[in-house]
Amino acid sequence: MLTGKQKRHLRALGHKLKALIQIGKKDIEEALIAETNAALDHHELIKVKLLESSALDKHGAATTLASACAAEVAQILGKTFLLYRPADSPVIILPTADKPSKKKLS
């Protein structure tokens, strides 16, 4: 599960990416899952676009594809979403959660 800080970091990295995977009229099939897995193995963070001809719901498509590929949804914006899956030797270093500061009350 990604924290808010990690999602924010991935959104910043994914802003400049072009969509590697496009989902059209067909439903999410094995070929699409295999293509997405290959892209995640190579890139770690990918952008997926739902075309106008797609009948799928953006939230449903994102969660279905993410669970099929063992990935996390970093962002859903319009008909585009970001998927993240760390590689065996990760290139993207995610920020860790800040520890809460202990302030003394006066």
C-alpha atoms as a PDB file:
ATOM      1  CA  MET A   1       0.000   0.000   0.000  1.00  0.00           C
ATOM      2  CA  LEU A   2       1.398   3.359  -1.013  1.00  0.00           C
ATOM      3  CA  THR A   3       1.328   6.302   1.371  1.00  0.00           C
ATOM      4  CA  GLY A   4       0.137   9.742   0.303  1.00  0.00           C
ATOM      5  CA  LYS A   5       3.701  11.021   0.165  1.00  0.00           C
ATOM      6  CA  GLN A   6       4.753   8.125  -2.074  1.00  0.00           C
ATOM      7  CA  LYS A   7       1.770   8.638  -4.382  1.00  0.00           C
ATOM      8  CA  ARG A   8       2.613  12.333  -4.645  1.00  0.00           C
ATOM      9  CA  HIS A   9       6.200  11.437  -5.602  1.00  0.00           C
ATOM     10  CA  LEU A  10       4.997   8.968  -8.248  1.00  0.00           C
ATOM     11  CA  ARG A  11       2.506  11.499  -9.646  1.00  0.00           C
ATOM     12  CA  ALA A  12       5.344  13.987 -10.072  1.00  0.00           C
ATOM     13  CA  LEU A  13       7.435  11.394 -11.910  1.00  0.00           C
ATOM     14  CA  GLY A  14       4.495  10.240 -14.020  1.00  0.00           C
ATOM     15  CA  HIS A  15       3.487  13.718 -15.164  1.00  0.00           C
ATOM     16  CA  LYS A  16       5.950  13.733 -18.063  1.00  0.00           C
ATOM     17  CA  LEU A  17       5.289  10.136 -19.147  1.00  0.00           C
ATOM     18  CA  LYS A  18       3.388   9.211 -22.275  1.00  0.00           C
ATOM     19  CA  ALA A  19       0.775   6.466 -22.162  1.00  0.00           C
ATOM     20  CA  LEU A  20       2.436   3.120 -22.888  1.00  0.00           C
ATOM     21  CA  ILE A  21      -0.767   1.089 -22.692  1.00  0.00           C
ATOM     22  CA  GLN A  22      -4.084   1.989 -24.304  1.00  0.00           C
ATOM     23  CA  ILE A  23      -7.348   0.231 -23.531  1.00  0.00           C
ATOM     24  CA  GLY A  24      -9.882   0.317 -26.354  1.00  0.00           C
ATOM     25  CA  LYS A  25     -13.138  -1.473 -27.146  1.00  0.00           C
ATOM     26  CA  LYS A  26     -12.047  -4.854 -25.802  1.00  0.00           C
ATOM     27  CA  ASP A  27     -12.222  -5.771 -22.156  1.00  0.00           C
ATOM     28  CA  ILE A  28      -9.104  -6.435 -20.068  1.00  0.00           C
ATOM     29  CA  GLU A  29      -7.780  -9.682 -21.548  1.00  0.00           C
ATOM     30  CA  GLU A  30      -4.692 -11.855 -21.082  1.00  0.00           C
ATOM     31  CA  ALA A  31      -2.839 -10.094 -23.916  1.00  0.00           C
ATOM     32  CA  LEU A  32      -3.360  -6.701 -22.272  1.00  0.00           C
ATOM     33  CA  ILE A  33      -2.248  -8.057 -18.887  1.00  0.00           C
ATOM     34  CA  ALA A  34       0.876  -9.598 -20.454  1.00  0.00           C
ATOM     35  CA  GLU A  35       1.705  -6.315 -22.213  1.00  0.00           C
ATOM     36  CA  THR A  36       1.186  -4.372 -18.981  1.00  0.00           C
ATOM     37  CA  ASN A  37       3.373  -6.816 -17.032  1.00  0.00           C
ATOM     38  CA  ALA A  38       6.154  -6.435 -19.602  1.00  0.00           C
ATOM     39  CA  ALA A  39       5.913  -2.638 -19.426  1.00  0.00           C
ATOM     40  CA  LEU A  40       5.966  -2.690 -15.606  1.00  0.00           C
ATOM     41  CA  ASP A  41       8.981  -5.022 -15.613  1.00  0.00           C
ATOM     42  CA  HIS A  42      10.834  -2.582 -17.824  1.00  0.00           C
ATOM     43  CA  HIS A  43       9.670   0.791 -16.454  1.00  0.00           C
ATOM     44  CA  GLU A  44       8.240   0.333 -12.905  1.00  0.00           C
ATOM     45  CA  LEU A  45       5.884   3.303 -13.435  1.00  0.00           C
ATOM     46  CA  ILE A  46       3.609   3.400 -16.480  1.00  0.00           C
ATOM     47  CA  LYS A  47       0.738   5.507 -17.719  1.00  0.00           C
ATOM     48  CA  VAL A  48      -2.369   3.739 -19.039  1.00  0.00           C
ATOM     49  CA  LYS A  49      -5.028   5.516 -21.108  1.00  0.00           C
ATOM     50  CA  LEU A  50      -8.650   4.532 -21.622  1.00  0.00           C
ATOM     51  CA  LEU A  51      -9.691   5.466 -25.135  1.00  0.00           C
ATOM     52  CA  GLU A  52     -13.034   7.123 -25.839  1.00  0.00           C
ATOM     53  CA  SER A  53     -14.260   3.892 -27.445  1.00  0.00           C
ATOM     54  CA  SER A  54     -13.721   1.974 -24.207  1.00  0.00           C
ATOM     55  CA  ALA A  55     -16.859   1.012 -22.313  1.00  0.00           C
ATOM     56  CA  LEU A  56     -14.940   0.344 -19.093  1.00  0.00           C
ATOM     57  CA  ASP A  57     -15.219   2.463 -15.973  1.00  0.00           C
ATOM     58  CA  LYS A  58     -11.905   4.182 -15.188  1.00  0.00           C
ATOM     59  CA  HIS A  59     -11.844   3.127 -11.523  1.00  0.00           C
ATOM     60  CA  GLY A  60     -12.853  -0.435 -12.321  1.00  0.00           C
ATOM     61  CA  ALA A  61     -10.311  -0.747 -15.116  1.00  0.00           C
ATOM     62  CA  ALA A  62      -7.522   0.673 -12.946  1.00  0.00           C
ATOM     63  CA  THR A  63      -8.177  -1.631  -9.998  1.00  0.00           C
ATOM     64  CA  THR A  64      -8.729  -4.706 -12.191  1.00  0.00           C
ATOM     65  CA  LEU A  65      -5.532  -4.179 -14.161  1.00  0.00           C
ATOM     66  CA  ALA A  66      -3.542  -3.327 -11.035  1.00  0.00           C
ATOM     67  CA  SER A  67      -4.676  -6.453  -9.195  1.00  0.00           C
ATOM     68  CA  ALA A  68      -4.032  -8.646 -12.260  1.00  0.00           C
ATOM     69  CA  CYS A  69      -0.481  -7.276 -12.517  1.00  0.00           C
ATOM     70  CA  ALA A  70       0.249  -7.093  -8.757  1.00  0.00           C
ATOM     71  CA  ALA A  71       0.695  -3.328  -9.078  1.00  0.00           C
ATOM     72  CA  GLU A  72      -0.515  -0.233  -7.222  1.00  0.00           C
ATOM     73  CA  VAL A  73      -2.651   2.559  -8.648  1.00  0.00           C
ATOM     74  CA  ALA A  74      -0.749   5.801  -8.037  1.00  0.00           C
ATOM     75  CA  GLN A  75      -3.222   8.178  -9.701  1.00  0.00           C
ATOM     76  CA  ILE A  76      -6.457   8.271 -11.671  1.00  0.00           C
ATOM     77  CA  LEU A  77      -6.930  11.472 -13.626  1.00  0.00           C
ATOM     78  CA  GLY A  78      -9.565  11.711 -16.316  1.00  0.00           C
ATOM     79  CA  LYS A  79      -9.310   8.598 -18.467  1.00  0.00           C
ATOM     80  CA  THR A  80      -5.641   8.106 -17.605  1.00  0.00           C
ATOM     81  CA  PHE A  81      -4.099   6.302 -14.655  1.00  0.00           C
ATOM     82  CA  LEU A  82      -0.632   5.518 -13.330  1.00  0.00           C
ATOM     83  CA  LEU A  83       0.412   2.024 -12.296  1.00  0.00           C
ATOM     84  CA  TYR A  84       3.477   1.324 -10.145  1.00  0.00           C
ATOM     85  CA  ARG A  85       5.183  -1.962  -9.371  1.00  0.00           C
ATOM     86  CA  PRO A  86       8.697  -1.968  -7.904  1.00  0.00           C
ATOM     87  CA  ALA A  87      11.295  -3.977  -9.810  1.00  0.00           C
ATOM     88  CA  ASP A  88      13.602  -6.552  -8.232  1.00  0.00           C
ATOM     89  CA  SER A  89      16.282  -3.867  -8.124  1.00  0.00           C
ATOM     90  CA  PRO A  90      14.163  -0.689  -7.922  1.00  0.00           C
ATOM     91  CA  VAL A  91      15.192   2.376  -9.892  1.00  0.00           C
ATOM     92  CA  ILE A  92      12.528   4.597  -8.338  1.00  0.00           C
ATOM     93  CA  ILE A  93      13.307   5.277  -4.697  1.00  0.00           C
ATOM     94  CA  LEU A  94      10.128   6.081  -2.807  1.00  0.00           C
ATOM     95  CA  PRO A  95      10.210   8.529   0.105  1.00  0.00           C
ATOM     96  CA  THR A  96       9.637   7.065   3.532  1.00  0.00           C
ATOM     97  CA  ALA A  97       6.939   8.291   5.851  1.00  0.00           C
ATOM     98  CA  ASP A  98       7.984  11.082   8.188  1.00  0.00           C
ATOM     99  CA  LYS A  99       8.000  10.269  11.846  1.00  0.00           C
ATOM    100  CA  PRO A 100       5.628  12.441  13.836  1.00  0.00           C
ATOM    101  CA  SER A 101       7.470  15.152  15.698  1.00  0.00           C
ATOM    102  CA  LYS A 102       7.241  15.138  19.450  1.00  0.00           C
ATOM    103  CA  LYS A 103       6.483  18.657  20.534  1.00  0.00           C
ATOM    104  CA  LYS A 104       6.454  19.602  24.158  1.00  0.00           C
ATOM    105  CA  LEU A 105       3.369  21.339  25.378  1.00  0.00           C
ATOM    106  CA  SER A 106       4.098  24.385  27.508  1.00  0.00           C
END
